[in-house]
PDB file of N, CA and C in Angstrom:
ATOM      1  N   UNK A   1       0.581  37.928 -31.789  1.00  0.00           N
ATOM      2  CA  UNK A   1       1.008  38.103 -33.177  1.00  0.00           C
ATOM      3  C   UNK A   1      -0.178  38.635 -33.977  1.00  0.00           C
ATOM      4  N   UNK A   2       0.075  39.743 -34.679  1.00  0.00           N
ATOM      5  CA  UNK A   2      -0.991  40.346 -35.472  1.00  0.00           C
ATOM      6  C   UNK A   2      -1.025  39.696 -36.842  1.00  0.00           C
ATOM      7  N   UNK A   3      -2.195  39.259 -37.249  1.00  0.00           N
ATOM      8  CA  UNK A   3      -2.306  38.680 -38.575  1.00  0.00           C
ATOM      9  C   UNK A   3      -3.722  38.779 -39.102  1.00  0.00           C
ATOM     10  N   UNK A   4      -3.809  38.673 -40.427  1.00  0.00           N
ATOM     11  CA  UNK A   4      -5.081  38.657 -41.135  1.00  0.00           C
ATOM     12  C   UNK A   4      -5.150  37.369 -41.940  1.00  0.00           C
ATOM     13  N   UNK A   5      -6.292  36.704 -41.900  1.00  0.00           N
ATOM     14  CA  UNK A   5      -6.465  35.456 -42.632  1.00  0.00           C
ATOM     15  C   UNK A   5      -7.741  35.541 -43.463  1.00  0.00           C
ATOM     16  N   UNK A   6      -7.551  35.476 -44.794  1.00  0.00           N
ATOM     17  CA  UNK A   6      -8.700  35.521 -45.704  1.00  0.00           C
ATOM     18  C   UNK A   6      -9.243  34.117 -45.948  1.00  0.00           C
ATOM     19  N   UNK A   7     -10.515  34.056 -46.272  1.00  0.00           N
ATOM     20  CA  UNK A   7     -11.158  32.805 -46.672  1.00  0.00           C
ATOM     21  C   UNK A   7     -12.353  33.136 -47.555  1.00  0.00           C
ATOM     22  N   UNK A   8     -12.883  32.091 -48.190  1.00  0.00           N
ATOM     23  CA  UNK A   8     -14.104  32.270 -48.969  1.00  0.00           C
ATOM     24  C   UNK A   8     -13.914  32.300 -50.468  1.00  0.00           C
ATOM     25  N   UNK A   9     -12.675  32.267 -50.925  1.00  0.00           N
ATOM     26  CA  UNK A   9     -12.446  32.265 -52.361  1.00  0.00           C
ATOM     27  C   UNK A   9     -12.813  30.928 -52.976  1.00  0.00           C
ATOM     28  N   UNK A  10     -12.784  30.867 -54.304  1.00  0.00           N
ATOM     29  CA  UNK A  10     -13.100  29.631 -54.983  1.00  0.00           C
ATOM     30  C   UNK A  10     -13.457  29.863 -56.426  1.00  0.00           C
ATOM     31  N   UNK A  11     -14.031  28.833 -57.031  1.00  0.00           N
ATOM     32  CA  UNK A  11     -14.449  28.880 -58.430  1.00  0.00           C
ATOM     33  C   UNK A  11     -15.952  29.129 -58.478  1.00  0.00           C
ATOM     34  N   UNK A  12     -16.350  30.103 -59.280  1.00  0.00           N
ATOM     35  CA  UNK A  12     -17.762  30.433 -59.407  1.00  0.00           C
ATOM     36  C   UNK A  12     -18.058  30.758 -60.866  1.00  0.00           C
ATOM     37  N   UNK A  13     -19.274  30.478 -61.287  1.00  0.00           N
ATOM     38  CA  UNK A  13     -19.666  30.787 -62.663  1.00  0.00           C
ATOM     39  C   UNK A  13     -19.982  32.273 -62.811  1.00  0.00           C
ATOM     40  N   UNK A  14     -19.836  32.793 -64.028  1.00  0.00           N
ATOM     41  CA  UNK A  14     -20.238  34.189 -64.254  1.00  0.00           C
ATOM     42  C   UNK A  14     -21.677  34.424 -63.808  1.00  0.00           C
ATOM     43  N   UNK A  15     -21.885  35.557 -63.150  1.00  0.00           N
ATOM     44  CA  UNK A  15     -23.192  35.878 -62.611  1.00  0.00           C
ATOM     45  C   UNK A  15     -23.409  35.411 -61.190  1.00  0.00           C
ATOM     46  N   UNK A  16     -22.485  34.598 -60.699  1.00  0.00           N
ATOM     47  CA  UNK A  16     -22.611  34.061 -59.352  1.00  0.00           C
ATOM     48  C   UNK A  16     -22.116  35.019 -58.287  1.00  0.00           C
ATOM     49  N   UNK A  17     -22.134  34.527 -57.042  1.00  0.00           N
ATOM     50  CA  UNK A  17     -21.750  35.336 -55.889  1.00  0.00           C
ATOM     51  C   UNK A  17     -20.770  34.577 -55.004  1.00  0.00           C
ATOM     52  N   UNK A  18     -19.962  35.347 -54.314  1.00  0.00           N
ATOM     53  CA  UNK A  18     -19.072  34.822 -53.280  1.00  0.00           C
ATOM     54  C   UNK A  18     -18.993  35.854 -52.168  1.00  0.00           C
ATOM     55  N   UNK A  19     -18.736  35.378 -50.960  1.00  0.00           N
ATOM     56  CA  UNK A  19     -18.446  36.285 -49.859  1.00  0.00           C
ATOM     57  C   UNK A  19     -17.082  35.941 -49.284  1.00  0.00           C
ATOM     58  N   UNK A  20     -16.172  36.894 -49.360  1.00  0.00           N
ATOM     59  CA  UNK A  20     -14.852  36.737 -48.771  1.00  0.00           C
ATOM     60  C   UNK A  20     -14.874  37.227 -47.329  1.00  0.00           C
ATOM     61  N   UNK A  21     -14.092  36.559 -46.510  1.00  0.00           N
ATOM     62  CA  UNK A  21     -13.942  36.959 -45.113  1.00  0.00           C
ATOM     63  C   UNK A  21     -12.464  37.183 -44.815  1.00  0.00           C
ATOM     64  N   UNK A  22     -12.216  38.091 -43.911  1.00  0.00           N
ATOM     65  CA  UNK A  22     -10.847  38.359 -43.467  1.00  0.00           C
ATOM     66  C   UNK A  22     -10.893  38.536 -41.961  1.00  0.00           C
ATOM     67  N   UNK A  23     -10.359  37.571 -41.248  1.00  0.00           N
ATOM     68  CA  UNK A  23     -10.396  37.596 -39.794  1.00  0.00           C
ATOM     69  C   UNK A  23      -9.063  38.078 -39.245  1.00  0.00           C
ATOM     70  N   UNK A  24      -9.148  39.035 -38.344  1.00  0.00           N
ATOM     71  CA  UNK A  24      -7.943  39.606 -37.733  1.00  0.00           C
ATOM     72  C   UNK A  24      -7.717  39.026 -36.346  1.00  0.00           C
ATOM     73  N   UNK A  25      -6.458  38.984 -35.978  1.00  0.00           N
ATOM     74  CA  UNK A  25      -6.109  38.580 -34.624  1.00  0.00           C
ATOM     75  C   UNK A  25      -4.948  39.434 -34.139  1.00  0.00           C
ATOM     76  N   UNK A  26      -4.889  39.614 -32.822  1.00  0.00           N
ATOM     77  CA  UNK A  26      -3.778  40.343 -32.240  1.00  0.00           C
ATOM     78  C   UNK A  26      -3.827  41.848 -32.401  1.00  0.00           C
ATOM     79  N   UNK A  27      -4.992  42.392 -32.754  1.00  0.00           N
ATOM     80  CA  UNK A  27      -5.100  43.844 -32.928  1.00  0.00           C
ATOM     81  C   UNK A  27      -6.504  44.298 -32.545  1.00  0.00           C
ATOM     82  N   UNK A  28      -6.604  45.589 -32.236  1.00  0.00           N
ATOM     83  CA  UNK A  28      -7.916  46.185 -31.969  1.00  0.00           C
ATOM     84  C   UNK A  28      -8.505  46.543 -33.322  1.00  0.00           C
ATOM     85  N   UNK A  29      -9.165  45.592 -33.922  1.00  0.00           N
ATOM     86  CA  UNK A  29      -9.553  45.680 -35.321  1.00  0.00           C
ATOM     87  C   UNK A  29     -10.442  46.883 -35.618  1.00  0.00           C
ATOM     88  N   UNK A  30     -11.243  47.274 -34.668  1.00  0.00           N
ATOM     89  CA  UNK A  30     -12.232  48.330 -34.912  1.00  0.00           C
ATOM     90  C   UNK A  30     -11.598  49.674 -35.242  1.00  0.00           C
ATOM     91  N   UNK A  31     -10.346  49.906 -34.859  1.00  0.00           N
ATOM     92  CA  UNK A  31      -9.747  51.222 -35.074  1.00  0.00           C
ATOM     93  C   UNK A  31      -8.970  51.301 -36.391  1.00  0.00           C
ATOM     94  N   UNK A  32      -8.905  50.203 -37.107  1.00  0.00           N
ATOM     95  CA  UNK A  32      -8.145  50.159 -38.355  1.00  0.00           C
ATOM     96  C   UNK A  32      -9.029  50.491 -39.553  1.00  0.00           C
ATOM     97  N   UNK A  33      -8.433  51.144 -40.541  1.00  0.00           N
ATOM     98  CA  UNK A  33      -9.047  51.202 -41.856  1.00  0.00           C
ATOM     99  C   UNK A  33      -8.891  49.828 -42.500  1.00  0.00           C
ATOM    100  N   UNK A  34      -9.908  49.404 -43.238  1.00  0.00           N
ATOM    101  CA  UNK A  34      -9.906  48.050 -43.806  1.00  0.00           C
ATOM    102  C   UNK A  34     -10.122  48.160 -45.313  1.00  0.00           C
ATOM    103  N   UNK A  35      -9.317  47.418 -46.046  1.00  0.00           N
ATOM    104  CA  UNK A  35      -9.353  47.525 -47.495  1.00  0.00           C
ATOM    105  C   UNK A  35      -9.218  46.150 -48.129  1.00  0.00           C
ATOM    106  N   UNK A  36      -9.934  45.947 -49.202  1.00  0.00           N
ATOM    107  CA  UNK A  36      -9.761  44.773 -50.060  1.00  0.00           C
ATOM    108  C   UNK A  36      -9.061  45.222 -51.349  1.00  0.00           C
ATOM    109  N   UNK A  37      -8.042  44.455 -51.726  1.00  0.00           N
ATOM    110  CA  UNK A  37      -7.337  44.644 -52.983  1.00  0.00           C
ATOM    111  C   UNK A  37      -7.441  43.341 -53.788  1.00  0.00           C
ATOM    112  N   UNK A  38      -7.097  43.441 -55.050  1.00  0.00           N
ATOM    113  CA  UNK A  38      -6.980  42.227 -55.857  1.00  0.00           C
ATOM    114  C   UNK A  38      -5.834  42.391 -56.853  1.00  0.00           C
ATOM    115  N   UNK A  39      -5.313  41.251 -57.264  1.00  0.00           N
ATOM    116  CA  UNK A  39      -4.243  41.243 -58.252  1.00  0.00           C
ATOM    117  C   UNK A  39      -4.476  40.098 -59.219  1.00  0.00           C
ATOM    118  N   UNK A  40      -4.704  40.469 -60.467  1.00  0.00           N
ATOM    119  CA  UNK A  40      -4.874  39.478 -61.526  1.00  0.00           C
ATOM    120  C   UNK A  40      -3.520  39.162 -62.133  1.00  0.00           C
ATOM    121  N   UNK A  41      -3.364  37.999 -62.773  1.00  0.00           N
ATOM    122  CA  UNK A  41      -2.088  37.639 -63.381  1.00  0.00           C
ATOM    123  C   UNK A  41      -1.610  38.701 -64.365  1.00  0.00           C
ATOM    124  N   UNK A  42      -0.369  39.124 -64.209  1.00  0.00           N
ATOM    125  CA  UNK A  42       0.211  40.092 -65.116  1.00  0.00           C
ATOM    126  C   UNK A  42      -0.242  41.520 -64.904  1.00  0.00           C
ATOM    127  N   UNK A  43      -1.009  41.769 -63.848  1.00  0.00           N
ATOM    128  CA  UNK A  43      -1.513  43.109 -63.586  1.00  0.00           C
ATOM    129  C   UNK A  43      -1.069  43.589 -62.208  1.00  0.00           C
ATOM    130  N   UNK A  44      -1.138  44.901 -62.031  1.00  0.00           N
ATOM    131  CA  UNK A  44      -0.797  45.467 -60.726  1.00  0.00           C
ATOM    132  C   UNK A  44      -1.931  45.237 -59.728  1.00  0.00           C
ATOM    133  N   UNK A  45      -1.548  45.222 -58.470  1.00  0.00           N
ATOM    134  CA  UNK A  45      -2.555  45.119 -57.421  1.00  0.00           C
ATOM    135  C   UNK A  45      -3.408  46.387 -57.430  1.00  0.00           C
ATOM    136  N   UNK A  46      -4.718  46.214 -57.303  1.00  0.00           N
ATOM    137  CA  UNK A  46      -5.613  47.361 -57.337  1.00  0.00           C
ATOM    138  C   UNK A  46      -6.564  47.338 -56.149  1.00  0.00           C
ATOM    139  N   UNK A  47      -6.955  48.529 -55.724  1.00  0.00           N
ATOM    140  CA  UNK A  47      -7.914  48.657 -54.643  1.00  0.00           C
ATOM    141  C   UNK A  47      -9.295  48.294 -55.161  1.00  0.00           C
ATOM    142  N   UNK A  48     -10.006  47.484 -54.395  1.00  0.00           N
ATOM    143  CA  UNK A  48     -11.355  47.070 -54.769  1.00  0.00           C
ATOM    144  C   UNK A  48     -12.391  47.808 -53.921  1.00  0.00           C
ATOM    145  N   UNK A  49     -12.184  47.790 -52.604  1.00  0.00           N
ATOM    146  CA  UNK A  49     -13.149  48.413 -51.703  1.00  0.00           C
ATOM    147  C   UNK A  49     -12.448  48.775 -50.405  1.00  0.00           C
ATOM    148  N   UNK A  50     -12.842  49.900 -49.845  1.00  0.00           N
ATOM    149  CA  UNK A  50     -12.250  50.294 -48.577  1.00  0.00           C
ATOM    150  C   UNK A  50     -13.321  50.802 -47.621  1.00  0.00           C
ATOM    151  N   UNK A  51     -13.039  50.572 -46.353  1.00  0.00           N
ATOM    152  CA  UNK A  51     -13.861  51.088 -45.268  1.00  0.00           C
ATOM    153  C   UNK A  51     -12.928  51.916 -44.400  1.00  0.00           C
ATOM    154  N   UNK A  52     -13.110  53.226 -44.467  1.00  0.00           N
ATOM    155  CA  UNK A  52     -12.183  54.113 -43.773  1.00  0.00           C
ATOM    156  C   UNK A  52     -12.437  54.104 -42.263  1.00  0.00           C
ATOM    157  N   UNK A  53     -11.522  54.677 -41.531  1.00  0.00           N
ATOM    158  CA  UNK A  53     -11.681  54.739 -40.083  1.00  0.00           C
ATOM    159  C   UNK A  53     -12.906  55.564 -39.701  1.00  0.00           C
ATOM    160  N   UNK A  54     -13.261  56.490 -40.579  1.00  0.00           N
ATOM    161  CA  UNK A  54     -14.443  57.305 -40.327  1.00  0.00           C
ATOM    162  C   UNK A  54     -15.748  56.639 -40.723  1.00  0.00           C
ATOM    163  N   UNK A  55     -15.648  55.459 -41.325  1.00  0.00           N
ATOM    164  CA  UNK A  55     -16.851  54.723 -41.678  1.00  0.00           C
ATOM    165  C   UNK A  55     -17.307  54.891 -43.118  1.00  0.00           C
ATOM    166  N   UNK A  56     -16.542  55.627 -43.917  1.00  0.00           N
ATOM    167  CA  UNK A  56     -16.908  55.793 -45.324  1.00  0.00           C
ATOM    168  C   UNK A  56     -16.525  54.554 -46.115  1.00  0.00           C
ATOM    169  N   UNK A  57     -17.335  54.270 -47.110  1.00  0.00           N
ATOM    170  CA  UNK A  57     -17.070  53.143 -48.003  1.00  0.00           C
ATOM    171  C   UNK A  57     -16.778  53.672 -49.407  1.00  0.00           C
ATOM    172  N   UNK A  58     -15.700  53.172 -49.992  1.00  0.00           N
ATOM    173  CA  UNK A  58     -15.321  53.562 -51.345  1.00  0.00           C
ATOM    174  C   UNK A  58     -15.055  52.313 -52.170  1.00  0.00           C
ATOM    175  N   UNK A  59     -15.401  52.389 -53.439  1.00  0.00           N
ATOM    176  CA  UNK A  59     -15.267  51.230 -54.314  1.00  0.00           C
ATOM    177  C   UNK A  59     -14.608  51.618 -55.633  1.00  0.00           C
ATOM    178  N   UNK A  60     -13.897  50.657 -56.210  1.00  0.00           N
ATOM    179  CA  UNK A  60     -13.416  50.836 -57.574  1.00  0.00           C
ATOM    180  C   UNK A  60     -14.626  50.928 -58.501  1.00  0.00           C
ATOM    181  N   UNK A  61     -14.489  51.723 -59.553  1.00  0.00           N
ATOM    182  CA  UNK A  61     -15.608  51.882 -60.493  1.00  0.00           C
ATOM    183  C   UNK A  61     -16.056  50.536 -61.065  1.00  0.00           C
ATOM    184  N   UNK A  62     -15.108  49.643 -61.264  1.00  0.00           N
ATOM    185  CA  UNK A  62     -15.417  48.363 -61.898  1.00  0.00           C
ATOM    186  C   UNK A  62     -16.290  47.457 -61.042  1.00  0.00           C
ATOM    187  N   UNK A  63     -16.399  47.744 -59.730  1.00  0.00           N
ATOM    188  CA  UNK A  63     -17.175  46.862 -58.854  1.00  0.00           C
ATOM    189  C   UNK A  63     -18.363  47.563 -58.203  1.00  0.00           C
ATOM    190  N   UNK A  64     -18.512  48.861 -58.445  1.00  0.00           N
ATOM    191  CA  UNK A  64     -19.614  49.606 -57.832  1.00  0.00           C
ATOM    192  C   UNK A  64     -20.952  48.986 -58.204  1.00  0.00           C
ATOM    193  N   UNK A  65     -21.799  48.830 -57.204  1.00  0.00           N
ATOM    194  CA  UNK A  65     -23.107  48.242 -57.415  1.00  0.00           C
ATOM    195  C   UNK A  65     -23.117  46.729 -57.376  1.00  0.00           C
ATOM    196  N   UNK A  66     -21.936  46.114 -57.360  1.00  0.00           N
ATOM    197  CA  UNK A  66     -21.863  44.652 -57.335  1.00  0.00           C
ATOM    198  C   UNK A  66     -21.199  44.131 -56.058  1.00  0.00           C
ATOM    199  N   UNK A  67     -20.237  44.861 -55.529  1.00  0.00           N
ATOM    200  CA  UNK A  67     -19.495  44.433 -54.343  1.00  0.00           C
ATOM    201  C   UNK A  67     -19.871  45.319 -53.159  1.00  0.00           C
ATOM    202  N   UNK A  68     -19.837  44.721 -51.976  1.00  0.00           N
ATOM    203  CA  UNK A  68     -20.121  45.460 -50.747  1.00  0.00           C
ATOM    204  C   UNK A  68     -19.128  45.055 -49.663  1.00  0.00           C
ATOM    205  N   UNK A  69     -18.494  46.055 -49.059  1.00  0.00           N
ATOM    206  CA  UNK A  69     -17.593  45.800 -47.934  1.00  0.00           C
ATOM    207  C   UNK A  69     -18.357  46.050 -46.643  1.00  0.00           C
ATOM    208  N   UNK A  70     -18.142  45.183 -45.682  1.00  0.00           N
ATOM    209  CA  UNK A  70     -18.784  45.344 -44.382  1.00  0.00           C
ATOM    210  C   UNK A  70     -17.871  44.764 -43.311  1.00  0.00           C
ATOM    211  N   UNK A  71     -18.176  45.075 -42.071  1.00  0.00           N
ATOM    212  CA  UNK A  71     -17.325  44.600 -40.986  1.00  0.00           C
ATOM    213  C   UNK A  71     -18.168  44.206 -39.788  1.00  0.00           C
ATOM    214  N   UNK A  72     -17.685  43.237 -39.064  1.00  0.00           N
ATOM    215  CA  UNK A  72     -18.256  42.833 -37.781  1.00  0.00           C
ATOM    216  C   UNK A  72     -17.122  42.922 -36.774  1.00  0.00           C
ATOM    217  N   UNK A  73     -17.050  44.034 -36.092  1.00  0.00           N
ATOM    218  CA  UNK A  73     -15.923  44.247 -35.182  1.00  0.00           C
ATOM    219  C   UNK A  73     -15.963  43.283 -33.995  1.00  0.00           C
ATOM    220  N   UNK A  74     -17.136  42.811 -33.642  1.00  0.00           N
ATOM    221  CA  UNK A  74     -17.228  41.833 -32.548  1.00  0.00           C
ATOM    222  C   UNK A  74     -16.548  40.525 -32.934  1.00  0.00           C
ATOM    223  N   UNK A  75     -16.531  40.238 -34.248  1.00  0.00           N
ATOM    224  CA  UNK A  75     -15.883  39.020 -34.738  1.00  0.00           C
ATOM    225  C   UNK A  75     -14.515  39.312 -35.332  1.00  0.00           C
ATOM    226  N   UNK A  76     -14.072  40.575 -35.257  1.00  0.00           N
ATOM    227  CA  UNK A  76     -12.781  40.963 -35.834  1.00  0.00           C
ATOM    228  C   UNK A  76     -12.676  40.549 -37.302  1.00  0.00           C
ATOM    229  N   UNK A  77     -13.746  40.745 -38.035  1.00  0.00           N
ATOM    230  CA  UNK A  77     -13.794  40.262 -39.414  1.00  0.00           C
ATOM    231  C   UNK A  77     -14.333  41.340 -40.352  1.00  0.00           C
ATOM    232  N   UNK A  78     -13.717  41.430 -41.513  1.00  0.00           N
ATOM    233  CA  UNK A  78     -14.208  42.274 -42.590  1.00  0.00           C
ATOM    234  C   UNK A  78     -14.601  41.358 -43.744  1.00  0.00           C
ATOM    235  N   UNK A  79     -15.681  41.718 -44.409  1.00  0.00           N
ATOM    236  CA  UNK A  79     -16.238  40.897 -45.480  1.00  0.00           C
ATOM    237  C   UNK A  79     -16.224  41.656 -46.806  1.00  0.00           C
ATOM    238  N   UNK A  80     -16.233  40.892 -47.879  1.00  0.00           N
ATOM    239  CA  UNK A  80     -16.455  41.455 -49.204  1.00  0.00           C
ATOM    240  C   UNK A  80     -17.504  40.578 -49.885  1.00  0.00           C
ATOM    241  N   UNK A  81     -18.717  41.093 -49.979  1.00  0.00           N
ATOM    242  CA  UNK A  81     -19.776  40.402 -50.683  1.00  0.00           C
ATOM    243  C   UNK A  81     -19.672  40.749 -52.164  1.00  0.00           C
ATOM    244  N   UNK A  82     -19.523  39.747 -52.993  1.00  0.00           N
ATOM    245  CA  UNK A  82     -19.328  39.954 -54.430  1.00  0.00           C
ATOM    246  C   UNK A  82     -20.473  39.298 -55.181  1.00  0.00           C
ATOM    247  N   UNK A  83     -21.241  40.102 -55.868  1.00  0.00           N
ATOM    248  CA  UNK A  83     -22.383  39.622 -56.645  1.00  0.00           C
ATOM    249  C   UNK A  83     -22.161  39.881 -58.128  1.00  0.00           C
ATOM    250  N   UNK A  84     -22.929  39.204 -58.931  1.00  0.00           N
ATOM    251  CA  UNK A  84     -22.866  39.361 -60.397  1.00  0.00           C
ATOM    252  C   UNK A  84     -21.418  39.308 -60.881  1.00  0.00           C
ATOM    253  N   UNK A  85     -20.732  38.277 -60.464  1.00  0.00           N
ATOM    254  CA  UNK A  85     -19.308  38.164 -60.775  1.00  0.00           C
ATOM    255  C   UNK A  85     -19.075  37.987 -62.270  1.00  0.00           C
ATOM    256  N   UNK A  86     -17.957  38.553 -62.719  1.00  0.00           N
ATOM    257  CA  UNK A  86     -17.557  38.508 -64.128  1.00  0.00           C
ATOM    258  C   UNK A  86     -16.191  37.836 -64.244  1.00  0.00           C
ATOM    259  N   UNK A  87     -15.879  37.303 -65.415  1.00  0.00           N
ATOM    260  CA  UNK A  87     -14.545  36.685 -65.577  1.00  0.00           C
ATOM    261  C   UNK A  87     -13.407  37.655 -65.240  1.00  0.00           C
ATOM    262  N   UNK A  88     -13.608  38.929 -65.486  1.00  0.00           N
ATOM    263  CA  UNK A  88     -12.555  39.904 -65.194  1.00  0.00           C
ATOM    264  C   UNK A  88     -12.385  40.169 -63.702  1.00  0.00           C
ATOM    265  N   UNK A  89     -13.224  39.599 -62.876  1.00  0.00           N
ATOM    266  CA  UNK A  89     -13.032  39.681 -61.425  1.00  0.00           C
ATOM    267  C   UNK A  89     -12.057  38.608 -60.927  1.00  0.00           C
ATOM    268  N   UNK A  90     -11.645  37.724 -61.796  1.00  0.00           N
ATOM    269  CA  UNK A  90     -10.703  36.683 -61.423  1.00  0.00           C
ATOM    270  C   UNK A  90      -9.388  37.301 -60.963  1.00  0.00           C
ATOM    271  N   UNK A  91      -8.965  36.941 -59.761  1.00  0.00           N
ATOM    272  CA  UNK A  91      -7.756  37.518 -59.169  1.00  0.00           C
ATOM    273  C   UNK A  91      -7.518  36.868 -57.808  1.00  0.00           C
ATOM    274  N   UNK A  92      -6.359  37.169 -57.255  1.00  0.00           N
ATOM    275  CA  UNK A  92      -6.126  36.893 -55.838  1.00  0.00           C
ATOM    276  C   UNK A  92      -6.567  38.125 -55.065  1.00  0.00           C
ATOM    277  N   UNK A  93      -7.399  37.905 -54.069  1.00  0.00           N
ATOM    278  CA  UNK A  93      -7.946  38.996 -53.265  1.00  0.00           C
ATOM    279  C   UNK A  93      -7.239  39.035 -51.912  1.00  0.00           C
ATOM    280  N   UNK A  94      -6.833  40.247 -51.534  1.00  0.00           N
ATOM    281  CA  UNK A  94      -6.097  40.465 -50.289  1.00  0.00           C
ATOM    282  C   UNK A  94      -6.852  41.460 -49.410  1.00  0.00           C
ATOM    283  N   UNK A  95      -6.810  41.229 -48.129  1.00  0.00           N
ATOM    284  CA  UNK A  95      -7.323  42.246 -47.222  1.00  0.00           C
ATOM    285  C   UNK A  95      -6.148  42.935 -46.536  1.00  0.00           C
ATOM    286  N   UNK A  96      -6.419  44.157 -46.125  1.00  0.00           N
ATOM    287  CA  UNK A  96      -5.411  44.989 -45.483  1.00  0.00           C
ATOM    288  C   UNK A  96      -6.067  45.733 -44.338  1.00  0.00           C
ATOM    289  N   UNK A  97      -5.351  45.808 -43.230  1.00  0.00           N
ATOM    290  CA  UNK A  97      -5.773  46.619 -42.095  1.00  0.00           C
ATOM    291  C   UNK A  97      -4.648  47.598 -41.800  1.00  0.00           C
ATOM    292  N   UNK A  98      -4.988  48.875 -41.831  1.00  0.00           N
ATOM    293  CA  UNK A  98      -3.961  49.900 -41.669  1.00  0.00           C
ATOM    294  C   UNK A  98      -4.397  50.937 -40.653  1.00  0.00           C
ATOM    295  N   UNK A  99      -3.482  51.231 -39.743  1.00  0.00           N
ATOM    296  CA  UNK A  99      -3.686  52.312 -38.796  1.00  0.00           C
ATOM    297  C   UNK A  99      -2.738  53.465 -39.120  1.00  0.00           C
ATOM    298  N   UNK A 100      -1.500  53.118 -39.393  1.00  0.00           N
ATOM    299  CA  UNK A 100      -0.484  54.089 -39.788  1.00  0.00           C
ATOM    300  C   UNK A 100       0.653  53.297 -40.435  1.00  0.00           C
ATOM    301  N   UNK A 101       1.794  53.954 -40.712  1.00  0.00           N
ATOM    302  CA  UNK A 101       2.896  53.253 -41.384  1.00  0.00           C
ATOM    303  C   UNK A 101       3.423  52.084 -40.559  1.00  0.00           C
ATOM    304  N   UNK A 102       3.349  52.206 -39.253  1.00  0.00           N
ATOM    305  CA  UNK A 102       3.882  51.143 -38.391  1.00  0.00           C
ATOM    306  C   UNK A 102       2.903  49.977 -38.267  1.00  0.00           C
ATOM    307  N   UNK A 103       1.650  50.280 -38.223  1.00  0.00           N
ATOM    308  CA  UNK A 103       0.616  49.253 -38.037  1.00  0.00           C
ATOM    309  C   UNK A 103      -0.151  49.111 -39.352  1.00  0.00           C
ATOM    310  N   UNK A 104       0.412  48.298 -40.225  1.00  0.00           N
ATOM    311  CA  UNK A 104      -0.089  48.126 -41.585  1.00  0.00           C
ATOM    312  C   UNK A 104       0.073  46.654 -41.934  1.00  0.00           C
ATOM    313  N   UNK A 105      -1.037  45.919 -42.016  1.00  0.00           N
ATOM    314  CA  UNK A 105      -0.975  44.466 -42.116  1.00  0.00           C
ATOM    315  C   UNK A 105      -1.765  43.973 -43.319  1.00  0.00           C
ATOM    316  N   UNK A 106      -1.239  42.914 -43.932  1.00  0.00           N
ATOM    317  CA  UNK A 106      -1.864  42.291 -45.099  1.00  0.00           C
ATOM    318  C   UNK A 106      -2.128  40.821 -44.818  1.00  0.00           C
ATOM    319  N   UNK A 107      -3.184  40.312 -45.436  1.00  0.00           N
ATOM    320  CA  UNK A 107      -3.424  38.884 -45.411  1.00  0.00           C
ATOM    321  C   UNK A 107      -2.640  38.192 -46.509  1.00  0.00           C
ATOM    322  N   UNK A 108      -2.779  36.871 -46.557  1.00  0.00           N
ATOM    323  CA  UNK A 108      -1.999  36.063 -47.502  1.00  0.00           C
ATOM    324  C   UNK A 108      -2.674  35.942 -48.862  1.00  0.00           C
ATOM    325  N   UNK A 109      -3.927  36.335 -48.948  1.00  0.00           N
ATOM    326  CA  UNK A 109      -4.648  36.284 -50.210  1.00  0.00           C
ATOM    327  C   UNK A 109      -5.501  35.046 -50.366  1.00  0.00           C
ATOM    328  N   UNK A 110      -6.576  35.198 -51.134  1.00  0.00           N
ATOM    329  CA  UNK A 110      -7.445  34.078 -51.464  1.00  0.00           C
ATOM    330  C   UNK A 110      -7.824  34.173 -52.942  1.00  0.00           C
ATOM    331  N   UNK A 111      -7.776  33.047 -53.640  1.00  0.00           N
ATOM    332  CA  UNK A 111      -8.001  33.041 -55.084  1.00  0.00           C
ATOM    333  C   UNK A 111      -9.495  33.038 -55.390  1.00  0.00           C
ATOM    334  N   UNK A 112      -9.891  33.915 -56.289  1.00  0.00           N
ATOM    335  CA  UNK A 112     -11.243  33.921 -56.830  1.00  0.00           C
ATOM    336  C   UNK A 112     -11.143  33.711 -58.334  1.00  0.00           C
ATOM    337  N   UNK A 113     -11.826  32.698 -58.821  1.00  0.00           N
ATOM    338  CA  UNK A 113     -11.829  32.400 -60.244  1.00  0.00           C
ATOM    339  C   UNK A 113     -13.272  32.391 -60.736  1.00  0.00           C
ATOM    340  N   UNK A 114     -13.547  33.221 -61.744  1.00  0.00           N
ATOM    341  CA  UNK A 114     -14.888  33.308 -62.321  1.00  0.00           C
ATOM    342  C   UNK A 114     -14.814  32.741 -63.731  1.00  0.00           C
ATOM    343  N   UNK A 115     -15.419  31.588 -63.904  1.00  0.00           N
ATOM    344  CA  UNK A 115     -15.313  30.890 -65.187  1.00  0.00           C
ATOM    345  C   UNK A 115     -16.458  29.905 -65.329  1.00  0.00           C
ATOM    346  N   UNK A 116     -16.876  29.709 -66.572  1.00  0.00           N
ATOM    347  CA  UNK A 116     -17.892  28.706 -66.847  1.00  0.00           C
ATOM    348  C   UNK A 116     -17.258  27.374 -67.231  1.00  0.00           C
TER     349      UNK A 116
END
């Protein structure tokens, strides 16, 4: 069974850091494009960071210089290192692994709350 499981969310103060993890199972993770999205209450889901199959990294303007996506294919895991967190980063964060329309998988999400 192919699945993605996120972890690492929680409550953090403004200016703090968190590292999200997304562990894959049942798939050859290294060949998938990997993406982190987030969805804040009342807002549409938005792309935060992506790691393309070719190895390129792209980020939303709002997180450039603060967030970093990385992967450890030996552990079937993709990470999102989030630094200098702001209250507007509060959202549910989802990971996605996509190969094509047929092989397109999402995790269940992990809550990140940035508040003092």
